[in-house]
Amino acid sequence: MTDSSALDPEDRKIVTLARSARARNQVPEGAAVRDGTGRTYVAGTVVLDSLKLSALRTAVAMAVASGATSLEAAAVVTDAGTVSDEDRAAVRDLGGPATPVLVAGPDGEVRETVTAG
C-alpha cells in the first residue's frame, strides 16, 4: 500500500483527475497520464459496440494522439485490485518499463504503485 498523503503533488494531481473522470462520466475506471513535458491527459472507460478500451489505454492513446513522446507517470482509479497487463503494456510502450502506475480505489486512496515493466 502507498501512503497517498506522501505522494508528490503532481502524482496526487493525476490521481485526482482520474477520480474525477470516473465520477463525472459514471464509468468503471478513470485514468490520467502525465507526459514528459508535464501535460496531463484524462480519460474514462470506453464501451461501445465496436470499441472497448480501458481508461488507462484511452488516456495513453489521447497522449499519443496529442503528440506526447514519453510518459512520467500514470494513475488509474478502479474497483479492481490492480492494473491489467495490457494497461501496463500501453504505459510501457510510451513511458518505458520504469514508469510508475498509481492504482487507487474510488475514494482516491492509492492502494499500490506498480511499474509499467
Protein backbone atom coordinates (compact mmCIF):
# COMPACT_ATOMS: atom_id res chain seq x y z
CA MET A 1 0.00 0.00 0.00
CA THR A 2 1.13 3.55 -0.72
CA ASP A 3 0.54 6.45 1.65
CA SER A 4 -1.44 8.89 -0.52
CA SER A 5 -0.52 11.81 1.72
CA ALA A 6 3.14 11.17 0.91
CA LEU A 7 2.60 11.41 -2.84
CA ASP A 8 4.34 14.03 -4.90
CA PRO A 9 1.85 16.86 -5.66
CA GLU A 10 1.96 16.08 -9.39
CA ASP A 11 1.16 12.41 -8.71
CA ARG A 12 -1.66 13.42 -6.38
CA LYS A 13 -2.97 15.63 -9.20
CA ILE A 14 -3.24 12.76 -11.70
CA VAL A 15 -4.98 10.57 -9.11
CA THR A 16 -7.49 13.38 -8.50
CA LEU A 17 -8.03 13.86 -12.25
CA ALA A 18 -8.58 10.12 -12.72
CA ARG A 19 -11.04 10.01 -9.85
CA SER A 20 -12.94 12.99 -11.26
CA ALA A 21 -13.17 11.41 -14.72
CA ARG A 22 -14.58 8.22 -13.22
CA ALA A 23 -17.20 10.07 -11.20
CA ARG A 24 -18.13 12.64 -13.85
CA ASN A 25 -18.63 10.06 -16.59
CA GLN A 26 -20.03 7.34 -14.32
CA VAL A 27 -17.67 4.74 -15.77
CA PRO A 28 -15.95 1.79 -14.09
CA GLU A 29 -12.50 3.38 -14.30
CA GLY A 30 -10.90 6.77 -14.64
CA ALA A 31 -7.28 7.34 -15.60
CA ALA A 32 -4.78 10.10 -16.13
CA VAL A 33 -1.26 10.16 -17.50
CA ARG A 34 1.43 12.85 -17.35
CA ASP A 35 3.78 13.19 -20.30
CA GLY A 36 7.43 14.16 -20.28
CA THR A 37 6.58 17.86 -20.54
CA GLY A 38 4.12 17.78 -17.62
CA ARG A 39 0.93 17.83 -19.70
CA THR A 40 -1.87 15.60 -18.45
CA TYR A 41 -4.40 13.51 -20.34
CA VAL A 42 -7.55 12.23 -18.65
CA ALA A 43 -9.95 9.53 -19.76
CA GLY A 44 -12.66 7.13 -18.67
CA THR A 45 -13.53 3.64 -19.77
CA VAL A 46 -14.84 3.47 -23.35
CA VAL A 47 -17.56 0.90 -24.01
CA LEU A 48 -19.18 0.95 -27.44
CA ASP A 49 -20.46 -1.93 -29.51
CA SER A 50 -17.47 -1.57 -31.81
CA LEU A 51 -14.81 -0.34 -29.34
CA LYS A 52 -13.87 -1.27 -25.79
CA LEU A 53 -10.92 0.42 -24.10
CA SER A 54 -9.87 0.66 -20.50
CA ALA A 55 -9.49 4.14 -19.07
CA LEU A 56 -5.72 3.82 -18.89
CA ARG A 57 -5.34 2.70 -22.52
CA THR A 58 -7.64 5.55 -23.57
CA ALA A 59 -5.54 8.09 -21.65
CA VAL A 60 -2.34 6.75 -23.27
CA ALA A 61 -3.99 6.92 -26.70
CA MET A 62 -5.04 10.52 -26.04
CA ALA A 63 -1.46 11.39 -25.08
CA VAL A 64 -0.07 9.80 -28.25
CA ALA A 65 -2.73 11.47 -30.42
CA SER A 66 -1.74 14.82 -28.89
CA GLY A 67 1.93 14.36 -29.73
CA ALA A 68 3.34 13.05 -26.45
CA THR A 69 6.58 11.12 -26.90
CA SER A 70 7.08 9.95 -23.30
CA LEU A 71 5.26 9.47 -20.01
CA GLU A 72 6.38 10.35 -16.50
CA ALA A 73 3.55 8.64 -14.60
CA ALA A 74 0.08 7.15 -14.87
CA ALA A 75 -2.82 6.72 -12.47
CA VAL A 76 -5.98 4.66 -12.58
CA VAL A 77 -8.96 4.76 -10.22
CA THR A 78 -10.74 1.44 -10.16
CA ASP A 79 -12.57 -1.12 -8.05
CA ALA A 80 -10.19 -3.77 -9.41
CA GLY A 81 -7.35 -4.85 -7.20
CA THR A 82 -4.63 -3.98 -9.69
CA VAL A 83 -4.00 -2.84 -13.24
CA SER A 84 -4.09 -5.32 -16.13
CA ASP A 85 -1.02 -6.46 -18.05
CA GLU A 86 -2.49 -4.86 -21.18
CA ASP A 87 -2.79 -1.50 -19.43
CA ARG A 88 0.76 -1.72 -18.11
CA ALA A 89 1.94 -2.58 -21.63
CA ALA A 90 0.33 0.57 -23.06
CA VAL A 91 2.07 2.71 -20.43
CA ARG A 92 5.35 0.86 -21.06
CA ASP A 93 5.12 1.45 -24.83
CA LEU A 94 5.17 5.21 -24.30
CA GLY A 95 6.89 5.62 -20.96
CA GLY A 96 9.24 2.68 -20.62
CA PRO A 97 9.31 -0.15 -18.09
CA ALA A 98 10.12 2.03 -15.05
CA THR A 99 7.11 4.34 -15.47
CA PRO A 100 5.09 4.29 -12.24
CA VAL A 101 1.41 3.39 -12.38
CA LEU A 102 -0.58 4.50 -9.33
CA VAL A 103 -3.58 2.28 -8.62
CA ALA A 104 -6.23 3.96 -6.46
CA GLY A 105 -9.64 2.99 -5.19
CA PRO A 106 -12.79 5.03 -5.80
CA ASP A 107 -12.01 7.01 -2.64
CA GLY A 108 -8.78 8.23 -4.22
CA GLU A 109 -6.53 6.33 -1.82
CA VAL A 110 -3.58 4.80 -3.65
CA ARG A 111 -3.57 1.06 -2.99
CA GLU A 112 -0.35 0.29 -4.77
CA THR A 113 2.22 1.67 -7.15
CA VAL A 114 3.49 -0.69 -9.81
CA THR A 115 5.83 -0.11 -12.71
CA ALA A 116 4.82 -0.47 -16.33
CA GLY A 117 7.64 -3.02 -16.72
